[in-house]
């Protein structure tokens, strides 16, 4: 796993954790840190979303990469 892969994986895990908090406790950690509707909140969600898209795009190649090693 490359450095970029690891960083995006961690970002997506943080996003998933935030969604878990929303689902279980109706508590949005990102909004509580950066405020509701602020630029930082929106940028954070965009970064999480782009990270998820990146991981979805490279996921099919994971099996190939690890079977060659």
N, C-alpha and C. Protein backbone atom coordinates (compact mmCIF):
# COMPACT_ATOMS: atom_id res chain seq x y z
N UNK A 1 0.86 -1.17 0.00
CA UNK A 1 0.00 0.00 0.00
C UNK A 1 0.90 1.23 0.00
N UNK A 2 0.68 2.13 -0.94
CA UNK A 2 1.50 3.33 -1.03
C UNK A 2 1.10 4.34 0.05
N UNK A 3 1.90 5.37 0.18
CA UNK A 3 1.60 6.40 1.17
C UNK A 3 0.26 7.07 0.91
N UNK A 4 -0.02 7.37 -0.37
CA UNK A 4 -1.29 8.00 -0.72
C UNK A 4 -2.46 7.06 -0.41
N UNK A 5 -2.28 5.78 -0.70
CA UNK A 5 -3.32 4.80 -0.38
C UNK A 5 -3.62 4.79 1.11
N UNK A 6 -2.57 4.80 1.92
CA UNK A 6 -2.74 4.76 3.38
C UNK A 6 -3.42 6.03 3.90
N UNK A 7 -3.01 7.18 3.39
CA UNK A 7 -3.61 8.45 3.83
C UNK A 7 -5.10 8.48 3.48
N UNK A 8 -5.44 8.10 2.24
CA UNK A 8 -6.85 8.12 1.85
C UNK A 8 -7.65 7.09 2.64
N UNK A 9 -7.05 5.95 2.94
CA UNK A 9 -7.72 4.94 3.75
C UNK A 9 -8.04 5.48 5.14
N UNK A 10 -7.09 6.16 5.75
CA UNK A 10 -7.31 6.74 7.08
C UNK A 10 -8.39 7.82 7.03
N UNK A 11 -8.36 8.65 5.99
CA UNK A 11 -9.38 9.70 5.84
C UNK A 11 -10.77 9.08 5.71
N UNK A 12 -10.89 8.03 4.93
CA UNK A 12 -12.19 7.37 4.76
C UNK A 12 -12.63 6.72 6.07
N UNK A 13 -11.70 6.15 6.83
CA UNK A 13 -12.06 5.59 8.14
C UNK A 13 -12.59 6.68 9.07
N UNK A 14 -11.97 7.83 9.06
CA UNK A 14 -12.45 8.95 9.89
C UNK A 14 -13.85 9.35 9.45
N UNK A 15 -14.08 9.41 8.13
CA UNK A 15 -15.41 9.72 7.62
C UNK A 15 -16.44 8.69 8.03
N UNK A 16 -16.06 7.42 7.98
CA UNK A 16 -16.97 6.35 8.39
C UNK A 16 -17.28 6.44 9.88
N UNK A 17 -16.27 6.76 10.67
CA UNK A 17 -16.47 6.95 12.11
C UNK A 17 -17.46 8.09 12.35
N UNK A 18 -17.32 9.18 11.60
CA UNK A 18 -18.23 10.31 11.75
C UNK A 18 -19.66 9.90 11.40
N UNK A 19 -19.83 9.12 10.32
CA UNK A 19 -21.17 8.66 9.96
C UNK A 19 -21.74 7.73 11.01
N UNK A 20 -20.89 6.93 11.63
CA UNK A 20 -21.36 6.09 12.73
C UNK A 20 -21.87 6.92 13.89
N UNK A 21 -21.15 7.99 14.22
CA UNK A 21 -21.60 8.89 15.28
C UNK A 21 -22.93 9.55 14.93
N UNK A 22 -23.08 9.93 13.67
CA UNK A 22 -24.33 10.54 13.24
C UNK A 22 -25.48 9.54 13.37
N UNK A 23 -25.25 8.32 12.91
CA UNK A 23 -26.30 7.30 12.96
C UNK A 23 -26.67 6.88 14.37
N UNK A 24 -25.67 6.72 15.22
CA UNK A 24 -25.94 6.23 16.58
C UNK A 24 -26.39 7.31 17.55
N UNK A 25 -25.77 8.48 17.45
CA UNK A 25 -25.99 9.50 18.48
C UNK A 25 -26.49 10.84 17.94
N UNK A 26 -26.75 10.91 16.62
CA UNK A 26 -27.14 12.18 16.00
C UNK A 26 -26.12 13.27 16.32
N UNK A 27 -24.83 12.90 16.27
CA UNK A 27 -23.75 13.83 16.59
C UNK A 27 -22.77 13.86 15.42
N UNK A 28 -22.62 15.03 14.81
CA UNK A 28 -21.71 15.22 13.68
C UNK A 28 -20.41 15.84 14.20
N UNK A 29 -19.37 15.04 14.28
CA UNK A 29 -18.09 15.49 14.82
C UNK A 29 -17.48 16.60 13.97
N UNK A 30 -17.55 16.47 12.65
CA UNK A 30 -16.97 17.48 11.76
C UNK A 30 -17.66 18.83 11.97
N UNK A 31 -18.98 18.82 12.03
CA UNK A 31 -19.72 20.06 12.26
C UNK A 31 -19.44 20.63 13.64
N UNK A 32 -19.28 19.78 14.62
CA UNK A 32 -19.00 20.29 15.97
C UNK A 32 -17.61 20.90 16.06
N UNK A 33 -16.68 20.44 15.24
CA UNK A 33 -15.33 21.01 15.24
C UNK A 33 -15.26 22.29 14.42
N UNK A 34 -15.81 22.25 13.19
CA UNK A 34 -15.65 23.37 12.26
C UNK A 34 -16.86 24.28 12.14
N UNK A 35 -18.01 23.87 12.68
CA UNK A 35 -19.21 24.69 12.60
C UNK A 35 -20.11 24.22 11.47
N UNK A 36 -21.37 24.55 11.57
CA UNK A 36 -22.36 24.12 10.59
C UNK A 36 -22.29 24.98 9.34
N UNK A 37 -22.10 24.33 8.19
CA UNK A 37 -22.12 25.04 6.92
C UNK A 37 -20.90 25.90 6.63
N UNK A 38 -19.85 25.77 7.41
CA UNK A 38 -18.65 26.58 7.17
C UNK A 38 -17.84 26.01 6.01
N UNK A 39 -16.94 26.81 5.49
CA UNK A 39 -16.08 26.38 4.40
C UNK A 39 -15.22 25.18 4.83
N UNK A 40 -14.69 25.21 6.04
CA UNK A 40 -13.86 24.10 6.52
C UNK A 40 -14.66 22.79 6.61
N UNK A 41 -15.90 22.88 7.02
CA UNK A 41 -16.75 21.69 7.08
C UNK A 41 -16.95 21.13 5.68
N UNK A 42 -17.27 21.99 4.74
CA UNK A 42 -17.50 21.55 3.37
C UNK A 42 -16.24 20.98 2.75
N UNK A 43 -15.10 21.63 2.97
CA UNK A 43 -13.83 21.13 2.44
C UNK A 43 -13.50 19.76 3.04
N UNK A 44 -13.75 19.59 4.32
CA UNK A 44 -13.51 18.30 4.98
C UNK A 44 -14.34 17.21 4.33
N UNK A 45 -15.62 17.47 4.09
CA UNK A 45 -16.48 16.47 3.46
C UNK A 45 -16.04 16.19 2.02
N UNK A 46 -15.59 17.21 1.30
CA UNK A 46 -15.10 17.00 -0.06
C UNK A 46 -13.85 16.13 -0.06
N UNK A 47 -12.94 16.37 0.87
CA UNK A 47 -11.72 15.56 0.97
C UNK A 47 -12.07 14.11 1.28
N UNK A 48 -13.01 13.90 2.19
CA UNK A 48 -13.44 12.54 2.52
C UNK A 48 -14.07 11.87 1.30
N UNK A 49 -14.91 12.59 0.60
CA UNK A 49 -15.56 12.04 -0.59
C UNK A 49 -14.57 11.71 -1.69
N UNK A 50 -13.61 12.60 -1.95
CA UNK A 50 -12.59 12.33 -2.97
C UNK A 50 -11.72 11.15 -2.58
N UNK A 51 -11.44 11.02 -1.30
CA UNK A 51 -10.65 9.88 -0.82
C UNK A 51 -11.40 8.58 -1.07
N UNK A 52 -12.70 8.59 -0.83
CA UNK A 52 -13.51 7.39 -1.07
C UNK A 52 -13.54 7.04 -2.56
N UNK A 53 -13.65 8.04 -3.41
CA UNK A 53 -13.64 7.79 -4.86
C UNK A 53 -12.29 7.21 -5.28
N UNK A 54 -11.21 7.77 -4.75
CA UNK A 54 -9.87 7.26 -5.06
C UNK A 54 -9.74 5.79 -4.65
N UNK A 55 -10.17 5.47 -3.43
CA UNK A 55 -10.08 4.08 -2.97
C UNK A 55 -10.94 3.15 -3.81
N UNK A 56 -12.13 3.61 -4.20
CA UNK A 56 -12.99 2.78 -5.04
C UNK A 56 -12.35 2.54 -6.41
N UNK A 57 -11.62 3.53 -6.91
CA UNK A 57 -10.97 3.39 -8.21
C UNK A 57 -9.79 2.43 -8.17
N UNK A 58 -9.04 2.42 -7.07
CA UNK A 58 -7.86 1.56 -7.01
C UNK A 58 -8.14 0.19 -6.39
N UNK A 59 -9.30 0.01 -5.80
CA UNK A 59 -9.61 -1.26 -5.12
C UNK A 59 -9.48 -2.48 -6.03
N UNK A 60 -9.92 -2.42 -7.29
CA UNK A 60 -9.77 -3.62 -8.13
C UNK A 60 -8.31 -4.07 -8.32
N UNK A 61 -7.38 -3.15 -8.21
CA UNK A 61 -5.97 -3.51 -8.41
C UNK A 61 -5.31 -4.04 -7.14
N UNK A 62 -5.98 -4.00 -6.01
CA UNK A 62 -5.37 -4.46 -4.76
C UNK A 62 -4.98 -5.92 -4.83
N UNK A 63 -5.84 -6.75 -5.35
CA UNK A 63 -5.54 -8.18 -5.45
C UNK A 63 -4.32 -8.43 -6.31
N UNK A 64 -4.22 -7.73 -7.43
CA UNK A 64 -3.08 -7.90 -8.32
C UNK A 64 -1.78 -7.49 -7.64
N UNK A 65 -1.82 -6.37 -6.94
CA UNK A 65 -0.60 -5.86 -6.30
C UNK A 65 -0.08 -6.81 -5.24
N UNK A 66 -0.97 -7.41 -4.46
CA UNK A 66 -0.54 -8.21 -3.34
C UNK A 66 -0.24 -9.66 -3.72
N UNK A 67 -0.79 -10.13 -4.83
CA UNK A 67 -0.48 -11.48 -5.26
C UNK A 67 0.87 -11.55 -5.96
N UNK A 68 1.35 -10.42 -6.48
CA UNK A 68 2.66 -10.36 -7.13
C UNK A 68 3.78 -10.35 -6.12
N UNK A 69 3.50 -9.86 -4.92
CA UNK A 69 4.56 -9.70 -3.91
C UNK A 69 4.98 -11.02 -3.31
